[in-house]
């Protein structure tokens, strides 16, 4: 005959085991969701990031290298296209512009 204050240990054990299993399943599901959202956010911010500003900067720098411009108008300093500057340096060194000779000392 069961008394009123007896504990139902079988029921307590089943509830405890089911609760532990459910807790581990929830923790695993939350980890999977976390890593999935992390991957999606990485792709959105890094992989699919537009390079508009970078492309604009490269185009601007290329234009600056290929056109004449004033560096300091008071001092009379100008910027010349890079290809002409390279030809001028080669002419000063006495090397023909089409030559691929290595500089002395290398």
PDB file of N, CA and C in Angstrom:
ATOM      1  N   UNK A   1       0.823  -1.165   0.000  1.00  0.00           N
ATOM      2  CA  UNK A   1       0.000   0.000   0.000  1.00  0.00           C
ATOM      3  C   UNK A   1       0.880   1.245   0.000  1.00  0.00           C
ATOM      4  N   UNK A   2       0.658   2.080  -0.969  1.00  0.00           N
ATOM      5  CA  UNK A   2       1.444   3.291  -1.137  1.00  0.00           C
ATOM      6  C   UNK A   2       0.948   4.368  -0.200  1.00  0.00           C
ATOM      7  N   UNK A   3       1.904   5.066   0.324  1.00  0.00           N
ATOM      8  CA  UNK A   3       1.535   6.153   1.213  1.00  0.00           C
ATOM      9  C   UNK A   3       1.470   7.457   0.411  1.00  0.00           C
ATOM     10  N   UNK A   4       0.900   8.420   0.972  1.00  0.00           N
ATOM     11  CA  UNK A   4       0.663   9.686   0.305  1.00  0.00           C
ATOM     12  C   UNK A   4       1.975  10.410  -0.001  1.00  0.00           C
ATOM     13  N   UNK A   5       2.973  10.319   0.850  1.00  0.00           N
ATOM     14  CA  UNK A   5       4.209  11.057   0.669  1.00  0.00           C
ATOM     15  C   UNK A   5       5.297  10.251  -0.056  1.00  0.00           C
ATOM     16  N   UNK A   6       4.991   9.141  -0.681  1.00  0.00           N
ATOM     17  CA  UNK A   6       5.961   8.369  -1.447  1.00  0.00           C
ATOM     18  C   UNK A   6       6.313   9.102  -2.745  1.00  0.00           C
ATOM     19  N   UNK A   7       7.595   9.013  -3.152  1.00  0.00           N
ATOM     20  CA  UNK A   7       8.058   9.614  -4.410  1.00  0.00           C
ATOM     21  C   UNK A   7       7.928   8.591  -5.525  1.00  0.00           C
ATOM     22  N   UNK A   8       7.564   9.041  -6.673  1.00  0.00           N
ATOM     23  CA  UNK A   8       7.482   8.180  -7.853  1.00  0.00           C
ATOM     24  C   UNK A   8       8.812   8.291  -8.591  1.00  0.00           C
ATOM     25  N   UNK A   9       9.791   7.527  -8.171  1.00  0.00           N
ATOM     26  CA  UNK A   9      11.142   7.625  -8.711  1.00  0.00           C
ATOM     27  C   UNK A   9      11.205   7.250 -10.186  1.00  0.00           C
ATOM     28  N   UNK A  10      10.414   6.334 -10.640  1.00  0.00           N
ATOM     29  CA  UNK A  10      10.386   5.955 -12.055  1.00  0.00           C
ATOM     30  C   UNK A  10       9.970   7.130 -12.924  1.00  0.00           C
ATOM     31  N   UNK A  11       8.936   7.809 -12.515  1.00  0.00           N
ATOM     32  CA  UNK A  11       8.451   8.966 -13.269  1.00  0.00           C
ATOM     33  C   UNK A  11       9.482  10.090 -13.246  1.00  0.00           C
ATOM     34  N   UNK A  12      10.090  10.300 -12.102  1.00  0.00           N
ATOM     35  CA  UNK A  12      11.117  11.348 -11.990  1.00  0.00           C
ATOM     36  C   UNK A  12      12.306  11.031 -12.904  1.00  0.00           C
ATOM     37  N   UNK A  13      12.727   9.771 -12.945  1.00  0.00           N
ATOM     38  CA  UNK A  13      13.854   9.370 -13.794  1.00  0.00           C
ATOM     39  C   UNK A  13      13.513   9.564 -15.263  1.00  0.00           C
ATOM     40  N   UNK A  14      12.320   9.170 -15.678  1.00  0.00           N
ATOM     41  CA  UNK A  14      11.915   9.326 -17.079  1.00  0.00           C
ATOM     42  C   UNK A  14      11.869  10.800 -17.458  1.00  0.00           C
ATOM     43  N   UNK A  15      11.283  11.624 -16.611  1.00  0.00           N
ATOM     44  CA  UNK A  15      11.193  13.056 -16.885  1.00  0.00           C
ATOM     45  C   UNK A  15      12.602  13.664 -16.951  1.00  0.00           C
ATOM     46  N   UNK A  16      13.498  13.250 -16.056  1.00  0.00           N
ATOM     47  CA  UNK A  16      14.871  13.756 -16.063  1.00  0.00           C
ATOM     48  C   UNK A  16      15.619  13.375 -17.315  1.00  0.00           C
ATOM     49  N   UNK A  17      15.524  12.115 -17.742  1.00  0.00           N
ATOM     50  CA  UNK A  17      16.218  11.659 -18.951  1.00  0.00           C
ATOM     51  C   UNK A  17      15.656  12.358 -20.187  1.00  0.00           C
ATOM     52  N   UNK A  18      14.340  12.450 -20.290  1.00  0.00           N
ATOM     53  CA  UNK A  18      13.716  13.117 -21.438  1.00  0.00           C
ATOM     54  C   UNK A  18      14.113  14.597 -21.460  1.00  0.00           C
ATOM     55  N   UNK A  19      14.145  15.229 -20.312  1.00  0.00           N
ATOM     56  CA  UNK A  19      14.529  16.639 -20.235  1.00  0.00           C
ATOM     57  C   UNK A  19      15.989  16.829 -20.657  1.00  0.00           C
ATOM     58  N   UNK A  20      16.878  15.945 -20.226  1.00  0.00           N
ATOM     59  CA  UNK A  20      18.282  16.049 -20.599  1.00  0.00           C
ATOM     60  C   UNK A  20      18.459  15.870 -22.103  1.00  0.00           C
ATOM     61  N   UNK A  21      17.796  14.876 -22.673  1.00  0.00           N
ATOM     62  CA  UNK A  21      17.888  14.636 -24.112  1.00  0.00           C
ATOM     63  C   UNK A  21      17.339  15.836 -24.884  1.00  0.00           C
ATOM     64  N   UNK A  22      16.210  16.350 -24.454  1.00  0.00           N
ATOM     65  CA  UNK A  22      15.602  17.506 -25.105  1.00  0.00           C
ATOM     66  C   UNK A  22      16.522  18.731 -25.013  1.00  0.00           C
ATOM     67  N   UNK A  23      17.176  18.913 -23.887  1.00  0.00           N
ATOM     68  CA  UNK A  23      18.105  20.030 -23.718  1.00  0.00           C
ATOM     69  C   UNK A  23      19.268  19.919 -24.690  1.00  0.00           C
ATOM     70  N   UNK A  24      19.862  18.724 -24.828  1.00  0.00           N
ATOM     71  CA  UNK A  24      20.978  18.535 -25.750  1.00  0.00           C
ATOM     72  C   UNK A  24      20.542  18.721 -27.200  1.00  0.00           C
ATOM     73  N   UNK A  25      19.347  18.291 -27.549  1.00  0.00           N
ATOM     74  CA  UNK A  25      18.841  18.482 -28.910  1.00  0.00           C
ATOM     75  C   UNK A  25      18.657  19.968 -29.196  1.00  0.00           C
ATOM     76  N   UNK A  26      18.131  20.700 -28.245  1.00  0.00           N
ATOM     77  CA  UNK A  26      17.933  22.143 -28.432  1.00  0.00           C
ATOM     78  C   UNK A  26      19.278  22.857 -28.561  1.00  0.00           C
ATOM     79  N   UNK A  27      20.259  22.478 -27.742  1.00  0.00           N
ATOM     80  CA  UNK A  27      21.588  23.083 -27.827  1.00  0.00           C
ATOM     81  C   UNK A  27      22.204  22.804 -29.199  1.00  0.00           C
ATOM     82  N   UNK A  28      22.094  21.601 -29.690  1.00  0.00           N
ATOM     83  CA  UNK A  28      22.611  21.267 -31.016  1.00  0.00           C
ATOM     84  C   UNK A  28      21.920  22.056 -32.115  1.00  0.00           C
ATOM     85  N   UNK A  29      20.605  22.197 -32.030  1.00  0.00           N
ATOM     86  CA  UNK A  29      19.860  22.948 -33.039  1.00  0.00           C
ATOM     87  C   UNK A  29      20.254  24.421 -33.027  1.00  0.00           C
ATOM     88  N   UNK A  30      20.454  24.979 -31.857  1.00  0.00           N
ATOM     89  CA  UNK A  30      20.865  26.384 -31.760  1.00  0.00           C
ATOM     90  C   UNK A  30      22.266  26.571 -32.347  1.00  0.00           C
ATOM     91  N   UNK A  31      23.158  25.622 -32.110  1.00  0.00           N
ATOM     92  CA  UNK A  31      24.495  25.715 -32.708  1.00  0.00           C
ATOM     93  C   UNK A  31      24.432  25.647 -34.229  1.00  0.00           C
ATOM     94  N   UNK A  32      23.636  24.759 -34.758  1.00  0.00           N
ATOM     95  CA  UNK A  32      23.493  24.653 -36.213  1.00  0.00           C
ATOM     96  C   UNK A  32      22.952  25.959 -36.786  1.00  0.00           C
ATOM     97  N   UNK A  33      21.940  26.524 -36.153  1.00  0.00           N
ATOM     98  CA  UNK A  33      21.384  27.796 -36.613  1.00  0.00           C
ATOM     99  C   UNK A  33      22.416  28.918 -36.534  1.00  0.00           C
ATOM    100  N   UNK A  34      23.171  28.945 -35.452  1.00  0.00           N
ATOM    101  CA  UNK A  34      24.193  29.973 -35.287  1.00  0.00           C
ATOM    102  C   UNK A  34      25.223  29.905 -36.416  1.00  0.00           C
ATOM    103  N   UNK A  35      25.751  28.719 -36.682  1.00  0.00           N
ATOM    104  CA  UNK A  35      26.759  28.585 -37.728  1.00  0.00           C
ATOM    105  C   UNK A  35      26.183  28.880 -39.109  1.00  0.00           C
ATOM    106  N   UNK A  36      24.939  28.527 -39.343  1.00  0.00           N
ATOM    107  CA  UNK A  36      24.292  28.825 -40.623  1.00  0.00           C
ATOM    108  C   UNK A  36      24.145  30.333 -40.802  1.00  0.00           C
ATOM    109  N   UNK A  37      23.672  31.029 -39.772  1.00  0.00           N
ATOM    110  CA  UNK A  37      23.524  32.479 -39.862  1.00  0.00           C
ATOM    111  C   UNK A  37      24.875  33.170 -39.971  1.00  0.00           C
ATOM    112  N   UNK A  38      25.878  32.631 -39.298  1.00  0.00           N
ATOM    113  CA  UNK A  38      27.225  33.197 -39.413  1.00  0.00           C
ATOM    114  C   UNK A  38      27.728  33.074 -40.838  1.00  0.00           C
ATOM    115  N   UNK A  39      27.536  31.933 -41.460  1.00  0.00           N
ATOM    116  CA  UNK A  39      27.966  31.732 -42.848  1.00  0.00           C
ATOM    117  C   UNK A  39      27.213  32.659 -43.800  1.00  0.00           C
ATOM    118  N   UNK A  40      25.918  32.799 -43.611  1.00  0.00           N
ATOM    119  CA  UNK A  40      25.135  33.690 -44.468  1.00  0.00           C
ATOM    120  C   UNK A  40      25.593  35.139 -44.318  1.00  0.00           C
ATOM    121  N   UNK A  41      25.870  35.553 -43.102  1.00  0.00           N
ATOM    122  CA  UNK A  41      26.321  36.925 -42.858  1.00  0.00           C
ATOM    123  C   UNK A  41      27.702  37.164 -43.466  1.00  0.00           C
ATOM    124  N   UNK A  42      28.586  36.177 -43.368  1.00  0.00           N
ATOM    125  CA  UNK A  42      29.913  36.278 -43.981  1.00  0.00           C
ATOM    126  C   UNK A  42      29.781  36.434 -45.497  1.00  0.00           C
ATOM    127  N   UNK A  43      28.947  35.624 -46.100  1.00  0.00           N
ATOM    128  CA  UNK A  43      28.756  35.726 -47.549  1.00  0.00           C
ATOM    129  C   UNK A  43      28.186  37.082 -47.933  1.00  0.00           C
ATOM    130  N   UNK A  44      27.251  37.572 -47.151  1.00  0.00           N
ATOM    131  CA  UNK A  44      26.626  38.860 -47.462  1.00  0.00           C
ATOM    132  C   UNK A  44      27.625  40.007 -47.343  1.00  0.00           C
ATOM    133  N   UNK A  45      28.461  39.974 -46.304  1.00  0.00           N
ATOM    134  CA  UNK A  45      29.365  41.093 -46.053  1.00  0.00           C
ATOM    135  C   UNK A  45      30.681  41.004 -46.812  1.00  0.00           C
ATOM    136  N   UNK A  46      31.204  39.793 -47.014  1.00  0.00           N
ATOM    137  CA  UNK A  46      32.540  39.653 -47.592  1.00  0.00           C
ATOM    138  C   UNK A  46      32.479  39.185 -49.043  1.00  0.00           C
ATOM    139  N   UNK A  47      31.788  38.095 -49.294  1.00  0.00           N
ATOM    140  CA  UNK A  47      31.804  37.502 -50.625  1.00  0.00           C
ATOM    141  C   UNK A  47      31.031  38.347 -51.621  1.00  0.00           C
ATOM    142  N   UNK A  48      29.868  38.828 -51.230  1.00  0.00           N
ATOM    143  CA  UNK A  48      29.019  39.573 -52.153  1.00  0.00           C
ATOM    144  C   UNK A  48      29.183  41.086 -52.021  1.00  0.00           C
ATOM    145  N   UNK A  49      30.200  41.546 -51.323  1.00  0.00           N
ATOM    146  CA  UNK A  49      30.400  42.978 -51.126  1.00  0.00           C
ATOM    147  C   UNK A  49      30.732  43.646 -52.453  1.00  0.00           C
ATOM    148  N   UNK A  50      30.063  44.735 -52.757  1.00  0.00           N
ATOM    149  CA  UNK A  50      30.359  45.425 -54.009  1.00  0.00           C
ATOM    150  C   UNK A  50      31.719  46.110 -53.938  1.00  0.00           C
ATOM    151  N   UNK A  51      32.427  46.090 -55.043  1.00  0.00           N
ATOM    152  CA  UNK A  51      33.752  46.690 -55.116  1.00  0.00           C
ATOM    153  C   UNK A  51      33.716  48.016 -55.869  1.00  0.00           C
ATOM    154  N   UNK A  52      32.591  48.703 -55.798  1.00  0.00           N
ATOM    155  CA  UNK A  52      32.410  49.929 -56.561  1.00  0.00           C
ATOM    156  C   UNK A  52      33.427  50.975 -56.151  1.00  0.00           C
ATOM    157  N   UNK A  53      33.601  51.197 -54.858  1.00  0.00           N
ATOM    158  CA  UNK A  53      34.529  52.232 -54.414  1.00  0.00           C
ATOM    159  C   UNK A  53      35.964  51.873 -54.777  1.00  0.00           C
ATOM    160  N   UNK A  54      36.314  50.604 -54.679  1.00  0.00           N
ATOM    161  CA  UNK A  54      37.663  50.172 -55.040  1.00  0.00           C
ATOM    162  C   UNK A  54      37.895  50.350 -56.536  1.00  0.00           C
ATOM    163  N   UNK A  55      36.938  49.951 -57.351  1.00  0.00           N
ATOM    164  CA  UNK A  55      37.071  50.104 -58.799  1.00  0.00           C
ATOM    165  C   UNK A  55      37.166  51.580 -59.182  1.00  0.00           C
ATOM    166  N   UNK A  56      36.393  52.424 -58.531  1.00  0.00           N
ATOM    167  CA  UNK A  56      36.445  53.846 -58.819  1.00  0.00           C
ATOM    168  C   UNK A  56      37.808  54.425 -58.459  1.00  0.00           C
ATOM    169  N   UNK A  57      38.367  53.996 -57.332  1.00  0.00           N
ATOM    170  CA  UNK A  57      39.679  54.482 -56.904  1.00  0.00           C
ATOM    171  C   UNK A  57      40.769  54.036 -57.881  1.00  0.00           C
ATOM    172  N   UNK A  58      40.716  52.774 -58.325  1.00  0.00           N
ATOM    173  CA  UNK A  58      41.707  52.283 -59.288  1.00  0.00           C
ATOM    174  C   UNK A  58      41.597  53.058 -60.600  1.00  0.00           C
ATOM    175  N   UNK A  59      40.394  53.310 -61.065  1.00  0.00           N
ATOM    176  CA  UNK A  59      40.207  54.074 -62.308  1.00  0.00           C
ATOM    177  C   UNK A  59      40.723  55.500 -62.153  1.00  0.00           C
ATOM    178  N   UNK A  60      40.482  56.106 -60.994  1.00  0.00           N
ATOM    179  CA  UNK A  60      40.964  57.461 -60.743  1.00  0.00           C
ATOM    180  C   UNK A  60      42.495  57.496 -60.740  1.00  0.00           C
ATOM    181  N   UNK A  61      43.118  56.532 -60.099  1.00  0.00           N
ATOM    182  CA  UNK A  61      44.581  56.487 -60.058  1.00  0.00           C
ATOM    183  C   UNK A  61      45.170  56.226 -61.442  1.00  0.00           C
ATOM    184  N   UNK A  62      44.522  55.364 -62.223  1.00  0.00           N
ATOM    185  CA  UNK A  62      44.978  55.098 -63.592  1.00  0.00           C
ATOM    186  C   UNK A  62      44.899  56.363 -64.433  1.00  0.00           C
ATOM    187  N   UNK A  63      43.818  57.116 -64.292  1.00  0.00           N
ATOM    188  CA  UNK A  63      43.692  58.379 -65.015  1.00  0.00           C
ATOM    189  C   UNK A  63      44.785  59.363 -64.607  1.00  0.00           C
ATOM    190  N   UNK A  64      45.089  59.412 -63.301  1.00  0.00           N
ATOM    191  CA  UNK A  64      46.143  60.317 -62.834  1.00  0.00           C
ATOM    192  C   UNK A  64      47.507  59.921 -63.397  1.00  0.00           C
ATOM    193  N   UNK A  65      47.746  58.632 -63.552  1.00  0.00           N
ATOM    194  CA  UNK A  65      49.026  58.166 -64.087  1.00  0.00           C
ATOM    195  C   UNK A  65      49.152  58.383 -65.590  1.00  0.00           C
ATOM    196  N   UNK A  66      48.048  58.521 -66.288  1.00  0.00           N
ATOM    197  CA  UNK A  66      48.080  58.588 -67.751  1.00  0.00           C
ATOM    198  C   UNK A  66      47.763  59.969 -68.318  1.00  0.00           C
ATOM    199  N   UNK A  67      47.701  61.001 -67.479  1.00  0.00           N
ATOM    200  CA  UNK A  67      47.376  62.344 -67.967  1.00  0.00           C
ATOM    201  C   UNK A  67      48.325  63.383 -67.372  1.00  0.00           C
ATOM    202  N   UNK A  68      48.417  64.505 -68.071  1.00  0.00           N
ATOM    203  CA  UNK A  68      49.187  65.636 -67.565  1.00  0.00           C
ATOM    204  C   UNK A  68      48.378  66.339 -66.482  1.00  0.00           C
ATOM    205  N   UNK A  69      49.068  66.844 -65.463  1.00  0.00           N
ATOM    206  CA  UNK A  69      48.394  67.650 -64.437  1.00  0.00           C
ATOM    207  C   UNK A  69      49.429  68.477 -63.685  1.00  0.00           C
ATOM    208  N   UNK A  70      48.949  69.523 -63.042  1.00  0.00           N
ATOM    209  CA  UNK A  70      49.817  70.366 -62.232  1.00  0.00           C
ATOM    210  C   UNK A  70      49.995  69.735 -60.857  1.00  0.00           C
ATOM    211  N   UNK A  71      51.248  69.684 -60.415  1.00  0.00           N
ATOM    212  CA  UNK A  71      51.533  69.277 -59.042  1.00  0.00           C
ATOM    213  C   UNK A  71      51.616  70.531 -58.182  1.00  0.00           C
ATOM    214  N   UNK A  72      52.426  71.483 -58.633  1.00  0.00           N
ATOM    215  CA  UNK A  72      52.559  72.775 -57.953  1.00  0.00           C
ATOM    216  C   UNK A  72      52.733  73.829 -59.041  1.00  0.00           C
ATOM    217  N   UNK A  73      51.672  74.589 -59.298  1.00  0.00           N
ATOM    218  CA  UNK A  73      51.715  75.553 -60.401  1.00  0.00           C
ATOM    219  C   UNK A  73      52.661  76.710 -60.090  1.00  0.00           C
ATOM    220  N   UNK A  74      52.821  77.080 -58.827  1.00  0.00           N
ATOM    221  CA  UNK A  74      53.727  78.178 -58.472  1.00  0.00           C
ATOM    222  C   UNK A  74      55.183  77.784 -58.714  1.00  0.00           C
ATOM    223  N   UNK A  75      55.520  76.545 -58.409  1.00  0.00           N
ATOM    224  CA  UNK A  75      56.891  76.075 -58.606  1.00  0.00           C
ATOM    225  C   UNK A  75      57.111  75.563 -60.026  1.00  0.00           C
ATOM    226  N   UNK A  76      56.051  75.405 -60.785  1.00  0.00           N
ATOM    227  CA  UNK A  76      56.163  74.932 -62.159  1.00  0.00           C
ATOM    228  C   UNK A  76      56.315  73.425 -62.263  1.00  0.00           C
ATOM    229  N   UNK A  77      55.869  72.675 -61.255  1.00  0.00           N
ATOM    230  CA  UNK A  77      55.960  71.212 -61.277  1.00  0.00           C
ATOM    231  C   UNK A  77      54.711  70.629 -61.935  1.00  0.00           C
ATOM    232  N   UNK A  78      54.962  69.730 -62.881  1.00  0.00           N
ATOM    233  CA  UNK A  78      53.847  69.077 -63.561  1.00  0.00           C
ATOM    234  C   UNK A  78      54.012  67.567 -63.473  1.00  0.00           C
ATOM    235  N   UNK A  79      52.911  66.891 -63.648  1.00  0.00           N
ATOM    236  CA  UNK A  79      52.908  65.432 -63.697  1.00  0.00           C
ATOM    237  C   UNK A  79      52.711  65.034 -65.151  1.00  0.00           C
ATOM    238  N   UNK A  80      53.541  64.097 -65.624  1.00  0.00           N
ATOM    239  CA  UNK A  80      53.410  63.637 -67.006  1.00  0.00           C
ATOM    240  C   UNK A  80      52.953  62.181 -66.984  1.00  0.00           C
ATOM    241  N   UNK A  81      52.397  61.700 -68.092  1.00  0.00           N
ATOM    242  CA  UNK A  81      51.970  60.291 -68.131  1.00  0.00           C
ATOM    243  C   UNK A  81      53.126  59.350 -67.814  1.00  0.00           C
ATOM    244  N   UNK A  82      52.825  58.264 -67.146  1.00  0.00           N
ATOM    245  CA  UNK A  82      53.843  57.332 -66.662  1.00  0.00           C
ATOM    246  C   UNK A  82      54.663  56.739 -67.799  1.00  0.00           C
ATOM    247  N   UNK A  83      54.048  56.462 -68.929  1.00  0.00           N
ATOM    248  CA  UNK A  83      54.795  55.879 -70.052  1.00  0.00           C
ATOM    249  C   UNK A  83      55.834  56.863 -70.577  1.00  0.00           C
ATOM    250  N   UNK A  84      55.492  58.139 -70.639  1.00  0.00           N
ATOM    251  CA  UNK A  84      56.456  59.145 -71.085  1.00  0.00           C
ATOM    252  C   UNK A  84      57.559  59.335 -70.046  1.00  0.00           C
ATOM    253  N   UNK A  85      57.217  59.264 -68.762  1.00  0.00           N
ATOM    254  CA  UNK A  85      58.218  59.397 -67.705  1.00  0.00           C
ATOM    255  C   UNK A  85      59.214  58.246 -67.773  1.00  0.00           C
ATOM    256  N   UNK A  86      58.724  57.050 -68.038  1.00  0.00           N
ATOM    257  CA  UNK A  86      59.618  55.896 -68.138  1.00  0.00           C
ATOM    258  C   UNK A  86      60.553  56.055 -69.345  1.00  0.00           C
ATOM    259  N   UNK A  87      60.038  56.510 -70.476  1.00  0.00           N
ATOM    260  CA  UNK A  87      60.862  56.724 -71.667  1.00  0.00           C
ATOM    261  C   UNK A  87      61.909  57.795 -71.395  1.00  0.00           C
ATOM    262  N   UNK A  88      61.510  58.849 -70.684  1.00  0.00           N
ATOM    263  CA  UNK A  88      62.437  59.933 -70.365  1.00  0.00           C
ATOM    264  C   UNK A  88      63.573  59.438 -69.471  1.00  0.00           C
ATOM    265  N   UNK A  89      63.263  58.625 -68.466  1.00  0.00           N
ATOM    266  CA  UNK A  89      64.287  58.075 -67.573  1.00  0.00           C
ATOM    267  C   UNK A  89      65.226  57.162 -68.349  1.00  0.00           C
ATOM    268  N   UNK A  90      64.691  56.333 -69.221  1.00  0.00           N
ATOM    269  CA  UNK A  90      65.532  55.449 -70.029  1.00  0.00           C
ATOM    270  C   UNK A  90      66.443  56.247 -70.962  1.00  0.00           C
ATOM    271  N   UNK A  91      65.923  57.345 -71.512  1.00  0.00           N
ATOM    272  CA  UNK A  91      66.732  58.182 -72.393  1.00  0.00           C
ATOM    273  C   UNK A  91      67.860  58.848 -71.606  1.00  0.00           C
ATOM    274  N   UNK A  92      67.597  59.269 -70.378  1.00  0.00           N
ATOM    275  CA  UNK A  92      68.628  59.879 -69.538  1.00  0.00           C
ATOM    276  C   UNK A  92      69.732  58.874 -69.215  1.00  0.00           C
ATOM    277  N   UNK A  93      69.368  57.607 -69.063  1.00  0.00           N
ATOM    278  CA  UNK A  93      70.345  56.572 -68.737  1.00  0.00           C
ATOM    279  C   UNK A  93      71.074  56.067 -69.975  1.00  0.00           C
ATOM    280  N   UNK A  94      70.608  56.442 -71.134  1.00  0.00           N
ATOM    281  CA  UNK A  94      71.257  56.035 -72.364  1.00  0.00           C
ATOM    282  C   UNK A  94      70.797  54.679 -72.859  1.00  0.00           C
ATOM    283  N   UNK A  95      69.715  54.137 -72.308  1.00  0.00           N
ATOM    284  CA  UNK A  95      69.172  52.853 -72.725  1.00  0.00           C
ATOM    285  C   UNK A  95      68.049  53.101 -73.721  1.00  0.00           C
ATOM    286  N   UNK A  96      68.044  52.412 -74.869  1.00  0.00           N
ATOM    287  CA  UNK A  96      66.938  52.584 -75.820  1.00  0.00           C
ATOM    288  C   UNK A  96      65.602  52.193 -75.186  1.00  0.00           C
ATOM    289  N   UNK A  97      64.537  52.883 -75.566  1.00  0.00           N
ATOM    290  CA  UNK A  97      63.211  52.679 -74.966  1.00  0.00           C
ATOM    291  C   UNK A  97      62.705  51.261 -75.194  1.00  0.00           C
ATOM    292  N   UNK A  98      63.037  50.624 -76.317  1.00  0.00           N
ATOM    293  CA  UNK A  98      62.544  49.289 -76.610  1.00  0.00           C
ATOM    294  C   UNK A  98      63.407  48.186 -76.021  1.00  0.00           C
ATOM    295  N   UNK A  99      64.545  48.550 -75.446  1.00  0.00           N
ATOM    296  CA  UNK A  99      65.471  47.535 -74.925  1.00  0.00           C
ATOM    297  C   UNK A  99      64.987  47.007 -73.599  1.00  0.00           C
ATOM    298  N   UNK A 100      65.280  45.727 -73.358  1.00  0.00           N
ATOM    299  CA  UNK A 100      64.914  45.133 -72.082  1.00  0.00           C
ATOM    300  C   UNK A 100      66.149  44.790 -71.277  1.00  0.00           C
ATOM    301  N   UNK A 101      67.237  45.538 -71.498  1.00  0.00           N
ATOM    302  CA  UNK A 101      68.495  45.282 -70.781  1.00  0.00           C
ATOM    303  C   UNK A 101      68.320  45.611 -69.312  1.00  0.00           C
ATOM    304  N   UNK A 102      68.914  44.785 -68.482  1.00  0.00           N
ATOM    305  CA  UNK A 102      68.842  45.021 -67.040  1.00  0.00           C
ATOM    306  C   UNK A 102      69.795  46.142 -66.663  1.00  0.00           C
ATOM    307  N   UNK A 103      69.446  46.957 -65.663  1.00  0.00           N
ATOM    308  CA  UNK A 103      70.332  48.016 -65.221  1.00  0.00           C
ATOM    309  C   UNK A 103      71.637  47.440 -64.681  1.00  0.00           C
ATOM    310  N   UNK A 104      72.671  48.249 -64.719  1.00  0.00           N
ATOM    311  CA  UNK A 104      73.981  47.796 -64.253  1.00  0.00           C
ATOM    312  C   UNK A 104      73.938  47.523 -62.753  1.00  0.00           C
ATOM    313  N   UNK A 105      74.722  46.540 -62.320  1.00  0.00           N
ATOM    314  CA  UNK A 105      74.833  46.247 -60.901  1.00  0.00           C
ATOM    315  C   UNK A 105      73.804  45.241 -60.403  1.00  0.00           C
ATOM    316  N   UNK A 106      72.992  44.659 -61.288  1.00  0.00           N
ATOM    317  CA  UNK A 106      72.003  43.679 -60.822  1.00  0.00           C
ATOM    318  C   UNK A 106      72.374  42.291 -61.257  1.00  0.00           C
TER     319      UNK A 106
END
